[in-house]
């Protein structure tokens, strides 16, 4: 998998100079991030890239002492499945 790069309020994977995958989040107040979008190109699907994107935002939230509200349907499904994310899930 290519490197996840932080760009503003997103983490992206670029291939050939174009975004091949991304997850975006919006700060809400001082202590919360809202995950609002996840995208993986057709070429990268089936490689657990979206799962890695969600995990990277979870890690970032832990690093910056923030909680997460997952409004993106994919991110929400990951939070429901993975108990290890519950420490940063603002329900």
N, C-alpha and C. Protein backbone atom coordinates (compact mmCIF):
# COMPACT_ATOMS: atom_id res chain seq x y z
N UNK A 1 0.85 -1.19 0.00
CA UNK A 1 0.00 0.00 0.00
C UNK A 1 0.88 1.24 0.00
N UNK A 2 0.48 2.24 -0.74
CA UNK A 2 1.20 3.51 -0.77
C UNK A 2 1.04 4.23 0.56
N UNK A 3 1.85 5.24 0.75
CA UNK A 3 1.86 5.98 2.00
C UNK A 3 0.61 6.84 2.17
N UNK A 4 0.09 6.85 3.40
CA UNK A 4 -1.02 7.74 3.76
C UNK A 4 -0.42 9.10 4.10
N UNK A 5 -0.88 10.14 3.43
CA UNK A 5 -0.36 11.48 3.62
C UNK A 5 -1.46 12.36 4.20
N UNK A 6 -1.14 13.13 5.24
CA UNK A 6 -2.11 14.07 5.79
C UNK A 6 -2.10 15.33 4.94
N UNK A 7 -3.27 15.71 4.49
CA UNK A 7 -3.43 16.95 3.71
C UNK A 7 -4.62 17.70 4.28
N UNK A 8 -4.35 18.74 5.05
CA UNK A 8 -5.44 19.47 5.67
C UNK A 8 -6.23 18.58 6.59
N UNK A 9 -7.53 18.51 6.38
CA UNK A 9 -8.42 17.66 7.18
C UNK A 9 -8.72 16.36 6.46
N UNK A 10 -7.66 15.74 5.93
CA UNK A 10 -7.84 14.46 5.26
C UNK A 10 -6.54 13.67 5.30
N UNK A 11 -6.68 12.38 5.06
CA UNK A 11 -5.54 11.51 4.81
C UNK A 11 -5.79 10.94 3.42
N UNK A 12 -4.75 10.94 2.59
CA UNK A 12 -4.91 10.53 1.20
C UNK A 12 -3.81 9.56 0.79
N UNK A 13 -4.11 8.79 -0.25
CA UNK A 13 -3.13 7.99 -0.95
C UNK A 13 -3.14 8.50 -2.38
N UNK A 14 -1.97 8.89 -2.85
CA UNK A 14 -1.85 9.38 -4.21
C UNK A 14 -1.11 8.36 -5.06
N UNK A 15 -1.57 8.20 -6.28
CA UNK A 15 -0.89 7.36 -7.26
C UNK A 15 -0.87 8.11 -8.57
N UNK A 16 0.32 8.23 -9.14
CA UNK A 16 0.51 8.98 -10.39
C UNK A 16 0.00 10.41 -10.28
N UNK A 17 0.21 11.02 -9.10
CA UNK A 17 -0.17 12.41 -8.91
C UNK A 17 -1.65 12.67 -8.67
N UNK A 18 -2.45 11.62 -8.57
CA UNK A 18 -3.88 11.79 -8.34
C UNK A 18 -4.31 11.06 -7.08
N UNK A 19 -5.37 11.56 -6.46
CA UNK A 19 -5.91 10.90 -5.26
C UNK A 19 -6.55 9.58 -5.65
N UNK A 20 -6.01 8.51 -5.06
CA UNK A 20 -6.55 7.18 -5.32
C UNK A 20 -7.44 6.73 -4.18
N UNK A 21 -7.26 7.36 -3.00
CA UNK A 21 -8.08 7.05 -1.84
C UNK A 21 -7.99 8.22 -0.88
N UNK A 22 -9.08 8.43 -0.13
CA UNK A 22 -9.06 9.51 0.84
C UNK A 22 -10.11 9.30 1.92
N UNK A 23 -9.83 9.91 3.06
CA UNK A 23 -10.81 10.00 4.13
C UNK A 23 -10.76 11.44 4.61
N UNK A 24 -11.92 12.06 4.77
CA UNK A 24 -11.95 13.45 5.21
C UNK A 24 -12.68 13.56 6.54
N UNK A 25 -12.27 14.56 7.29
CA UNK A 25 -12.88 14.81 8.59
C UNK A 25 -12.95 16.31 8.82
N UNK A 26 -13.93 16.70 9.62
CA UNK A 26 -14.16 18.11 9.91
C UNK A 26 -14.05 18.30 11.41
N UNK A 27 -13.22 19.26 11.86
CA UNK A 27 -13.18 19.53 13.29
C UNK A 27 -14.52 20.08 13.76
N UNK A 28 -14.95 19.62 14.92
CA UNK A 28 -16.17 20.14 15.54
C UNK A 28 -15.79 20.53 16.96
N UNK A 29 -15.71 21.82 17.22
CA UNK A 29 -15.24 22.28 18.51
C UNK A 29 -13.76 21.99 18.64
N UNK A 30 -13.28 21.97 19.88
CA UNK A 30 -11.85 21.78 20.12
C UNK A 30 -11.46 20.32 20.28
N UNK A 31 -12.42 19.44 20.54
CA UNK A 31 -12.03 18.07 20.90
C UNK A 31 -12.70 16.97 20.08
N UNK A 32 -13.30 17.32 18.93
CA UNK A 32 -14.03 16.32 18.16
C UNK A 32 -13.71 16.44 16.67
N UNK A 33 -13.63 15.27 16.02
CA UNK A 33 -13.48 15.18 14.57
C UNK A 33 -14.70 14.44 14.03
N UNK A 34 -15.26 14.92 12.94
CA UNK A 34 -16.39 14.26 12.29
C UNK A 34 -15.87 13.66 10.99
N UNK A 35 -15.86 12.33 10.91
CA UNK A 35 -15.47 11.67 9.65
C UNK A 35 -16.69 11.73 8.74
N UNK A 36 -16.53 12.43 7.60
CA UNK A 36 -17.68 12.66 6.74
C UNK A 36 -17.58 12.02 5.35
N UNK A 37 -16.41 11.43 5.02
CA UNK A 37 -16.29 10.91 3.65
C UNK A 37 -15.11 9.93 3.57
N UNK A 38 -15.34 8.83 2.89
CA UNK A 38 -14.28 7.87 2.59
C UNK A 38 -14.42 7.48 1.12
N UNK A 39 -13.30 7.46 0.43
CA UNK A 39 -13.30 7.09 -0.99
C UNK A 39 -12.08 6.23 -1.30
N UNK A 40 -12.30 5.16 -2.07
CA UNK A 40 -11.21 4.33 -2.57
C UNK A 40 -11.49 4.07 -4.05
N UNK A 41 -10.50 4.34 -4.90
CA UNK A 41 -10.68 4.14 -6.34
C UNK A 41 -10.91 2.67 -6.66
N UNK A 42 -11.50 2.43 -7.80
CA UNK A 42 -11.75 1.06 -8.26
C UNK A 42 -10.46 0.24 -8.25
N UNK A 43 -9.36 0.83 -8.66
CA UNK A 43 -8.09 0.12 -8.77
C UNK A 43 -7.57 -0.39 -7.42
N UNK A 44 -7.96 0.29 -6.34
CA UNK A 44 -7.45 -0.09 -5.01
C UNK A 44 -8.46 -0.85 -4.17
N UNK A 45 -9.67 -1.01 -4.64
CA UNK A 45 -10.69 -1.69 -3.85
C UNK A 45 -10.33 -3.15 -3.60
N UNK A 46 -10.78 -3.67 -2.46
CA UNK A 46 -10.51 -5.05 -2.10
C UNK A 46 -9.17 -5.25 -1.42
N UNK A 47 -8.47 -4.17 -1.10
CA UNK A 47 -7.15 -4.26 -0.47
C UNK A 47 -7.14 -3.72 0.96
N UNK A 48 -8.33 -3.54 1.53
CA UNK A 48 -8.50 -3.02 2.89
C UNK A 48 -7.94 -1.61 3.07
N UNK A 49 -7.96 -0.83 1.99
CA UNK A 49 -7.48 0.54 2.03
C UNK A 49 -8.40 1.41 2.87
N UNK A 50 -9.72 1.28 2.69
CA UNK A 50 -10.67 2.08 3.46
C UNK A 50 -10.51 1.80 4.95
N UNK A 51 -10.30 0.54 5.29
CA UNK A 51 -10.08 0.17 6.69
C UNK A 51 -8.83 0.85 7.24
N UNK A 52 -7.77 0.89 6.44
CA UNK A 52 -6.53 1.55 6.86
C UNK A 52 -6.73 3.06 7.02
N UNK A 53 -7.56 3.65 6.17
CA UNK A 53 -7.85 5.08 6.28
C UNK A 53 -8.56 5.40 7.60
N UNK A 54 -9.56 4.60 7.94
CA UNK A 54 -10.29 4.82 9.20
C UNK A 54 -9.33 4.65 10.38
N UNK A 55 -8.50 3.62 10.33
CA UNK A 55 -7.55 3.39 11.42
C UNK A 55 -6.60 4.57 11.56
N UNK A 56 -6.20 5.17 10.45
CA UNK A 56 -5.28 6.32 10.53
C UNK A 56 -5.94 7.50 11.21
N UNK A 57 -7.22 7.75 10.95
CA UNK A 57 -7.91 8.85 11.63
C UNK A 57 -8.06 8.52 13.12
N UNK A 58 -8.35 7.28 13.44
CA UNK A 58 -8.44 6.86 14.85
C UNK A 58 -7.10 7.12 15.54
N UNK A 59 -6.00 6.72 14.91
CA UNK A 59 -4.68 6.97 15.48
C UNK A 59 -4.42 8.46 15.66
N UNK A 60 -4.80 9.24 14.66
CA UNK A 60 -4.63 10.69 14.72
C UNK A 60 -5.44 11.28 15.88
N UNK A 61 -6.66 10.81 16.07
CA UNK A 61 -7.50 11.29 17.17
C UNK A 61 -6.84 10.98 18.51
N UNK A 62 -6.27 9.79 18.63
CA UNK A 62 -5.58 9.44 19.88
C UNK A 62 -4.35 10.31 20.09
N UNK A 63 -3.61 10.57 19.03
CA UNK A 63 -2.40 11.41 19.11
C UNK A 63 -2.73 12.84 19.53
N UNK A 64 -3.89 13.32 19.14
CA UNK A 64 -4.27 14.71 19.40
C UNK A 64 -5.34 14.85 20.47
N UNK A 65 -5.63 13.76 21.18
CA UNK A 65 -6.63 13.75 22.26
C UNK A 65 -7.99 14.26 21.81
N UNK A 66 -8.49 13.67 20.73
CA UNK A 66 -9.80 14.05 20.20
C UNK A 66 -10.71 12.83 20.15
N UNK A 67 -11.99 13.09 20.07
CA UNK A 67 -13.01 12.06 19.90
C UNK A 67 -13.49 12.12 18.45
N UNK A 68 -14.16 11.06 18.01
CA UNK A 68 -14.62 10.98 16.62
C UNK A 68 -16.12 10.71 16.56
N UNK A 69 -16.79 11.43 15.67
CA UNK A 69 -18.17 11.14 15.31
C UNK A 69 -18.12 10.64 13.86
N UNK A 70 -18.37 9.34 13.64
CA UNK A 70 -18.31 8.81 12.28
C UNK A 70 -19.67 8.93 11.58
N UNK A 71 -19.83 9.94 10.73
CA UNK A 71 -21.10 10.08 10.00
C UNK A 71 -21.02 9.40 8.63
N UNK A 72 -19.84 9.19 8.12
CA UNK A 72 -19.66 8.41 6.89
C UNK A 72 -20.11 6.98 7.18
N UNK A 73 -20.92 6.40 6.31
CA UNK A 73 -21.48 5.08 6.59
C UNK A 73 -20.39 4.01 6.72
N UNK A 74 -19.34 4.09 5.93
CA UNK A 74 -18.28 3.09 6.04
C UNK A 74 -17.56 3.24 7.38
N UNK A 75 -17.20 4.45 7.75
CA UNK A 75 -16.51 4.67 9.03
C UNK A 75 -17.39 4.20 10.19
N UNK A 76 -18.68 4.51 10.14
CA UNK A 76 -19.59 4.09 11.20
C UNK A 76 -19.61 2.56 11.32
N UNK A 77 -19.62 1.86 10.18
CA UNK A 77 -19.63 0.40 10.23
C UNK A 77 -18.34 -0.13 10.88
N UNK A 78 -17.23 0.53 10.64
CA UNK A 78 -15.97 0.12 11.27
C UNK A 78 -16.01 0.34 12.77
N UNK A 79 -16.56 1.46 13.20
CA UNK A 79 -16.65 1.75 14.64
C UNK A 79 -17.57 0.74 15.33
N UNK A 80 -18.64 0.33 14.65
CA UNK A 80 -19.54 -0.66 15.24
C UNK A 80 -18.88 -2.02 15.36
N UNK A 81 -18.01 -2.37 14.40
CA UNK A 81 -17.35 -3.68 14.37
C UNK A 81 -16.14 -3.78 15.29
N UNK A 82 -15.42 -2.68 15.47
CA UNK A 82 -14.13 -2.73 16.16
C UNK A 82 -14.20 -2.09 17.54
N UNK A 83 -14.25 -2.92 18.55
CA UNK A 83 -14.32 -2.42 19.92
C UNK A 83 -13.11 -1.59 20.29
N UNK A 84 -11.98 -1.84 19.62
CA UNK A 84 -10.77 -1.07 19.93
C UNK A 84 -10.87 0.40 19.52
N UNK A 85 -11.91 0.76 18.78
CA UNK A 85 -12.13 2.16 18.41
C UNK A 85 -13.05 2.88 19.40
N UNK A 86 -13.68 2.16 20.28
CA UNK A 86 -14.69 2.75 21.16
C UNK A 86 -14.13 3.80 22.11
N UNK A 87 -12.82 3.78 22.37
CA UNK A 87 -12.24 4.79 23.27
C UNK A 87 -12.26 6.19 22.66
N UNK A 88 -12.36 6.29 21.33
CA UNK A 88 -12.40 7.61 20.68
C UNK A 88 -13.75 7.89 20.02
N UNK A 89 -14.73 6.99 20.20
CA UNK A 89 -16.04 7.15 19.58
C UNK A 89 -16.93 8.02 20.46
N UNK A 90 -17.28 9.18 19.93
CA UNK A 90 -18.19 10.08 20.64
C UNK A 90 -19.61 9.74 20.22
N UNK A 91 -20.32 9.02 21.08
CA UNK A 91 -21.67 8.57 20.73
C UNK A 91 -22.74 9.48 21.31
